[in-house]
Amino acid sequence: MCLAIPAKVAKLEEGNLATVDILGVSREISVDLTPQAQVGDYVLVHAGFAIEVVDEQFAQETIELIKQFPELADLEGQPPMKKPSLA
């Protein structure tokens, strides 16, 4: 099963990269697919890419659901993401 997880954009970086907070874990992702994303926005993250900008209410509701099933978003112990390739 594939799951996109809401994340809050903490920092935008060169090369269409962003640092996001995903359930308290900081990750570097690509914003190639969501160039409109700004610091403070919530985005859905899948496979290292922000795939959609979403409103805060949707993000918070989804985060609460994910917290009920933590195995769906097991981020502990995973290495930091490298810039995904569109190739």
C-alpha atoms as a PDB file:
ATOM      1  CA  MET A   1       0.000   0.000   0.000  1.00  0.00           C
ATOM      2  CA  CYS A   2       1.236   3.482  -0.828  1.00  0.00           C
ATOM      3  CA  LEU A   3       0.527   6.305   1.556  1.00  0.00           C
ATOM      4  CA  ALA A   4       1.152  10.027   1.179  1.00  0.00           C
ATOM      5  CA  ILE A   5       1.874  11.654   4.523  1.00  0.00           C
ATOM      6  CA  PRO A   6       1.231  15.315   5.396  1.00  0.00           C
ATOM      7  CA  ALA A   7       4.322  17.336   6.228  1.00  0.00           C
ATOM      8  CA  LYS A   8       4.903  20.969   7.149  1.00  0.00           C
ATOM      9  CA  VAL A   9       7.458  22.824   5.047  1.00  0.00           C
ATOM     10  CA  ALA A  10      10.130  24.169   7.405  1.00  0.00           C
ATOM     11  CA  LYS A  11      12.710  25.430   4.900  1.00  0.00           C
ATOM     12  CA  LEU A  12      13.028  25.828   1.139  1.00  0.00           C
ATOM     13  CA  GLU A  13      16.435  25.109  -0.334  1.00  0.00           C
ATOM     14  CA  GLU A  14      18.178  25.408  -3.694  1.00  0.00           C
ATOM     15  CA  GLY A  15      17.497  22.772  -6.296  1.00  0.00           C
ATOM     16  CA  ASN A  16      13.758  22.539  -5.561  1.00  0.00           C
ATOM     17  CA  LEU A  17      14.412  20.866  -2.219  1.00  0.00           C
ATOM     18  CA  ALA A  18      12.642  21.481   1.063  1.00  0.00           C
ATOM     19  CA  THR A  19      13.133  20.407   4.640  1.00  0.00           C
ATOM     20  CA  VAL A  20       9.831  19.254   6.099  1.00  0.00           C
ATOM     21  CA  ASP A  21       8.553  18.025   9.437  1.00  0.00           C
ATOM     22  CA  ILE A  22       6.813  14.659   9.120  1.00  0.00           C
ATOM     23  CA  LEU A  23       5.317  13.608  12.451  1.00  0.00           C
ATOM     24  CA  GLY A  24       8.231  15.200  14.309  1.00  0.00           C
ATOM     25  CA  VAL A  25      10.917  13.825  11.980  1.00  0.00           C
ATOM     26  CA  SER A  26      12.861  16.211   9.748  1.00  0.00           C
ATOM     27  CA  ARG A  27      13.289  15.076   6.145  1.00  0.00           C
ATOM     28  CA  GLU A  28      14.591  16.573   2.912  1.00  0.00           C
ATOM     29  CA  ILE A  29      12.178  16.193  -0.011  1.00  0.00           C
ATOM     30  CA  SER A  30      11.771  17.414  -3.566  1.00  0.00           C
ATOM     31  CA  VAL A  31       9.228  20.128  -4.352  1.00  0.00           C
ATOM     32  CA  ASP A  32       9.643  19.748  -8.127  1.00  0.00           C
ATOM     33  CA  LEU A  33       5.961  18.785  -8.404  1.00  0.00           C
ATOM     34  CA  THR A  34       4.730  21.576  -6.087  1.00  0.00           C
ATOM     35  CA  PRO A  35       6.747  24.701  -6.933  1.00  0.00           C
ATOM     36  CA  GLN A  36       4.056  26.843  -5.273  1.00  0.00           C
ATOM     37  CA  ALA A  37       4.831  25.366  -1.824  1.00  0.00           C
ATOM     38  CA  GLN A  38       6.013  27.932   0.718  1.00  0.00           C
ATOM     39  CA  VAL A  39       7.471  27.732   4.230  1.00  0.00           C
ATOM     40  CA  GLY A  40       4.611  26.978   6.617  1.00  0.00           C
ATOM     41  CA  ASP A  41       2.521  25.167   3.995  1.00  0.00           C
ATOM     42  CA  TYR A  42       1.453  21.568   4.397  1.00  0.00           C
ATOM     43  CA  VAL A  43       2.232  19.175   1.572  1.00  0.00           C
ATOM     44  CA  LEU A  44       1.489  15.511   0.960  1.00  0.00           C
ATOM     45  CA  VAL A  45       4.751  13.576   0.674  1.00  0.00           C
ATOM     46  CA  HIS A  46       5.070  10.342  -1.272  1.00  0.00           C
ATOM     47  CA  ALA A  47       8.319   8.644  -2.285  1.00  0.00           C
ATOM     48  CA  GLY A  48      10.386  11.711  -1.388  1.00  0.00           C
ATOM     49  CA  PHE A  49       8.276  14.161  -3.389  1.00  0.00           C
ATOM     50  CA  ALA A  50       5.735  16.745  -2.290  1.00  0.00           C
ATOM     51  CA  ILE A  51       2.826  15.797  -4.552  1.00  0.00           C
ATOM     52  CA  GLU A  52       0.196  18.312  -3.418  1.00  0.00           C
ATOM     53  CA  VAL A  53      -0.192  21.385  -1.218  1.00  0.00           C
ATOM     54  CA  VAL A  54      -3.047  20.833   1.251  1.00  0.00           C
ATOM     55  CA  ASP A  55      -4.788  23.015   3.808  1.00  0.00           C
ATOM     56  CA  GLU A  56      -3.840  22.812   7.474  1.00  0.00           C
ATOM     57  CA  GLN A  57      -7.173  21.334   8.582  1.00  0.00           C
ATOM     58  CA  PHE A  58      -6.872  18.409   6.147  1.00  0.00           C
ATOM     59  CA  ALA A  59      -3.240  17.881   7.177  1.00  0.00           C
ATOM     60  CA  GLN A  60      -4.041  17.872  10.904  1.00  0.00           C
ATOM     61  CA  GLU A  61      -7.007  15.508  10.488  1.00  0.00           C
ATOM     62  CA  THR A  62      -4.858  13.124   8.454  1.00  0.00           C
ATOM     63  CA  ILE A  63      -2.013  13.307  10.981  1.00  0.00           C
ATOM     64  CA  GLU A  64      -4.442  12.394  13.772  1.00  0.00           C
ATOM     65  CA  LEU A  65      -5.625   9.364  11.785  1.00  0.00           C
ATOM     66  CA  ILE A  66      -2.045   8.277  11.085  1.00  0.00           C
ATOM     67  CA  LYS A  67      -1.223   8.540  14.799  1.00  0.00           C
ATOM     68  CA  GLN A  68      -3.917   5.917  15.429  1.00  0.00           C
ATOM     69  CA  PHE A  69      -1.972   3.545  13.139  1.00  0.00           C
ATOM     70  CA  PRO A  70       1.708   4.423  13.684  1.00  0.00           C
ATOM     71  CA  GLU A  71       2.924   1.441  11.657  1.00  0.00           C
ATOM     72  CA  LEU A  72       1.641   3.264   8.555  1.00  0.00           C
ATOM     73  CA  ALA A  73       4.198   6.023   9.029  1.00  0.00           C
ATOM     74  CA  ASP A  74       7.184   4.340  10.658  1.00  0.00           C
ATOM     75  CA  LEU A  75       9.885   6.943  10.072  1.00  0.00           C
ATOM     76  CA  GLU A  76      12.202   6.067  12.950  1.00  0.00           C
ATOM     77  CA  GLY A  77      15.551   4.637  11.978  1.00  0.00           C
ATOM     78  CA  GLN A  78      15.234   5.428   8.305  1.00  0.00           C
ATOM     79  CA  PRO A  79      18.138   7.271   6.688  1.00  0.00           C
ATOM     80  CA  PRO A  80      17.567  10.862   5.525  1.00  0.00           C
ATOM     81  CA  MET A  81      16.124  11.077   2.046  1.00  0.00           C
ATOM     82  CA  LYS A  82      18.346  12.132  -0.803  1.00  0.00           C
ATOM     83  CA  LYS A  83      17.061  14.297  -3.647  1.00  0.00           C
ATOM     84  CA  PRO A  84      14.763  12.074  -5.668  1.00  0.00           C
ATOM     85  CA  SER A  85      15.418  11.846  -9.374  1.00  0.00           C
ATOM     86  CA  LEU A  86      12.737  12.463 -11.978  1.00  0.00           C
ATOM     87  CA  ALA A  87      14.668  10.334 -14.484  1.00  0.00           C
END
